[in-house]
Amino acid sequence: MMKHALTPLPTTENPTGEQRKPANVGRKKGFRPWLLIWLAFALQVAAWVFWVKLASKHPVQEVPLVTAQPIPKKP
């Protein structure tokens, strides 16, 4: 028989006779380190996109090299 989503959770009984929910019900899940890794990856990609767009709008200027002039010989 299939349980319905609204079926109440099984309860356990305390030594005092009180009904309570299992310990893992309603508990927040702990911090997941992989979430931090994905966030760092996304920030890195965003930074690269920013720098590439900035570089495409401001191309490198070509600067001509000054060639050395020959030293004139004394007569």
C-alpha atoms as a PDB file:
ATOM      1  CA  MET A   1       0.000   0.000   0.000  1.00  0.00           C
ATOM      2  CA  MET A   2       1.336   3.420  -0.946  1.00  0.00           C
ATOM      3  CA  LYS A   3       1.686   6.019   1.819  1.00  0.00           C
ATOM      4  CA  HIS A   4       0.092   9.381   1.219  1.00  0.00           C
ATOM      5  CA  ALA A   5       2.127  12.578   1.622  1.00  0.00           C
ATOM      6  CA  LEU A   6      -0.114  13.696   4.477  1.00  0.00           C
ATOM      7  CA  THR A   7       0.375  10.520   6.486  1.00  0.00           C
ATOM      8  CA  PRO A   8       1.630  11.496   9.973  1.00  0.00           C
ATOM      9  CA  LEU A   9       5.207  10.655  10.824  1.00  0.00           C
ATOM     10  CA  PRO A  10       5.871   7.694  13.085  1.00  0.00           C
ATOM     11  CA  THR A  11       6.461   8.743  16.657  1.00  0.00           C
ATOM     12  CA  THR A  12       8.483   7.227  19.441  1.00  0.00           C
ATOM     13  CA  GLU A  13       7.606   7.127  23.081  1.00  0.00           C
ATOM     14  CA  ASN A  14       9.753   8.717  25.796  1.00  0.00           C
ATOM     15  CA  PRO A  15      10.335   6.999  29.101  1.00  0.00           C
ATOM     16  CA  THR A  16       7.936   9.634  30.468  1.00  0.00           C
ATOM     17  CA  GLY A  17       5.217   8.380  28.122  1.00  0.00           C
ATOM     18  CA  GLU A  18       5.204  11.480  25.866  1.00  0.00           C
ATOM     19  CA  GLN A  19       4.957  11.086  22.119  1.00  0.00           C
ATOM     20  CA  ARG A  20       7.674  12.763  20.054  1.00  0.00           C
ATOM     21  CA  LYS A  21       8.926  12.845  16.463  1.00  0.00           C
ATOM     22  CA  PRO A  22      12.123  11.031  15.455  1.00  0.00           C
ATOM     23  CA  ALA A  23      15.317  13.020  16.056  1.00  0.00           C
ATOM     24  CA  ASN A  24      16.156  13.574  12.389  1.00  0.00           C
ATOM     25  CA  VAL A  25      12.783  15.086  11.400  1.00  0.00           C
ATOM     26  CA  GLY A  26      12.770  18.844  10.888  1.00  0.00           C
ATOM     27  CA  ARG A  27      16.511  19.197  11.437  1.00  0.00           C
ATOM     28  CA  LYS A  28      18.354  21.559   9.140  1.00  0.00           C
ATOM     29  CA  LYS A  29      20.981  19.924   6.993  1.00  0.00           C
ATOM     30  CA  GLY A  30      24.565  20.865   7.715  1.00  0.00           C
ATOM     31  CA  PHE A  31      26.727  23.119   5.590  1.00  0.00           C
ATOM     32  CA  ARG A  32      27.753  21.442   2.372  1.00  0.00           C
ATOM     33  CA  PRO A  33      31.363  22.148   1.348  1.00  0.00           C
ATOM     34  CA  TRP A  34      30.648  21.402  -2.334  1.00  0.00           C
ATOM     35  CA  LEU A  35      28.346  24.411  -2.349  1.00  0.00           C
ATOM     36  CA  LEU A  36      31.296  26.623  -1.455  1.00  0.00           C
ATOM     37  CA  ILE A  37      33.346  25.036  -4.256  1.00  0.00           C
ATOM     38  CA  TRP A  38      30.632  25.741  -6.836  1.00  0.00           C
ATOM     39  CA  LEU A  39      30.268  29.297  -5.565  1.00  0.00           C
ATOM     40  CA  ALA A  40      34.018  29.890  -5.914  1.00  0.00           C
ATOM     41  CA  PHE A  41      33.938  28.384  -9.414  1.00  0.00           C
ATOM     42  CA  ALA A  42      31.042  30.626 -10.449  1.00  0.00           C
ATOM     43  CA  LEU A  43      32.798  33.716  -9.087  1.00  0.00           C
ATOM     44  CA  GLN A  44      35.971  32.800 -10.974  1.00  0.00           C
ATOM     45  CA  VAL A  45      34.055  32.393 -14.249  1.00  0.00           C
ATOM     46  CA  ALA A  46      32.307  35.722 -13.676  1.00  0.00           C
ATOM     47  CA  ALA A  47      35.661  37.416 -13.047  1.00  0.00           C
ATOM     48  CA  TRP A  48      37.120  35.976 -16.271  1.00  0.00           C
ATOM     49  CA  VAL A  49      34.094  37.123 -18.272  1.00  0.00           C
ATOM     50  CA  PHE A  50      34.429  40.610 -16.772  1.00  0.00           C
ATOM     51  CA  TRP A  51      38.147  40.859 -17.612  1.00  0.00           C
ATOM     52  CA  VAL A  52      37.717  39.546 -21.171  1.00  0.00           C
ATOM     53  CA  LYS A  53      34.905  42.027 -21.862  1.00  0.00           C
ATOM     54  CA  LEU A  54      36.957  44.853 -20.384  1.00  0.00           C
ATOM     55  CA  ALA A  55      40.005  43.872 -22.441  1.00  0.00           C
ATOM     56  CA  SER A  56      37.971  43.667 -25.647  1.00  0.00           C
ATOM     57  CA  LYS A  57      36.805  47.272 -25.176  1.00  0.00           C
ATOM     58  CA  HIS A  58      40.326  48.536 -24.449  1.00  0.00           C
ATOM     59  CA  PRO A  59      42.745  46.928 -26.909  1.00  0.00           C
ATOM     60  CA  VAL A  60      46.479  47.103 -26.366  1.00  0.00           C
ATOM     61  CA  GLN A  61      48.060  50.041 -28.166  1.00  0.00           C
ATOM     62  CA  GLU A  62      51.004  49.369 -30.381  1.00  0.00           C
ATOM     63  CA  VAL A  63      53.990  51.448 -29.437  1.00  0.00           C
ATOM     64  CA  PRO A  64      56.699  51.755 -32.089  1.00  0.00           C
ATOM     65  CA  LEU A  65      60.162  50.879 -30.891  1.00  0.00           C
ATOM     66  CA  VAL A  66      62.758  53.605 -31.195  1.00  0.00           C
ATOM     67  CA  THR A  67      65.720  52.356 -33.162  1.00  0.00           C
ATOM     68  CA  ALA A  68      69.144  53.404 -32.015  1.00  0.00           C
ATOM     69  CA  GLN A  69      70.716  56.091 -34.161  1.00  0.00           C
ATOM     70  CA  PRO A  70      74.273  55.422 -35.307  1.00  0.00           C
ATOM     71  CA  ILE A  71      76.843  57.447 -33.404  1.00  0.00           C
ATOM     72  CA  PRO A  72      78.446  59.996 -35.739  1.00  0.00           C
ATOM     73  CA  LYS A  73      82.196  59.523 -36.142  1.00  0.00           C
ATOM     74  CA  LYS A  74      84.467  62.427 -35.310  1.00  0.00           C
ATOM     75  CA  PRO A  75      86.416  63.806 -38.314  1.00  0.00           C
END
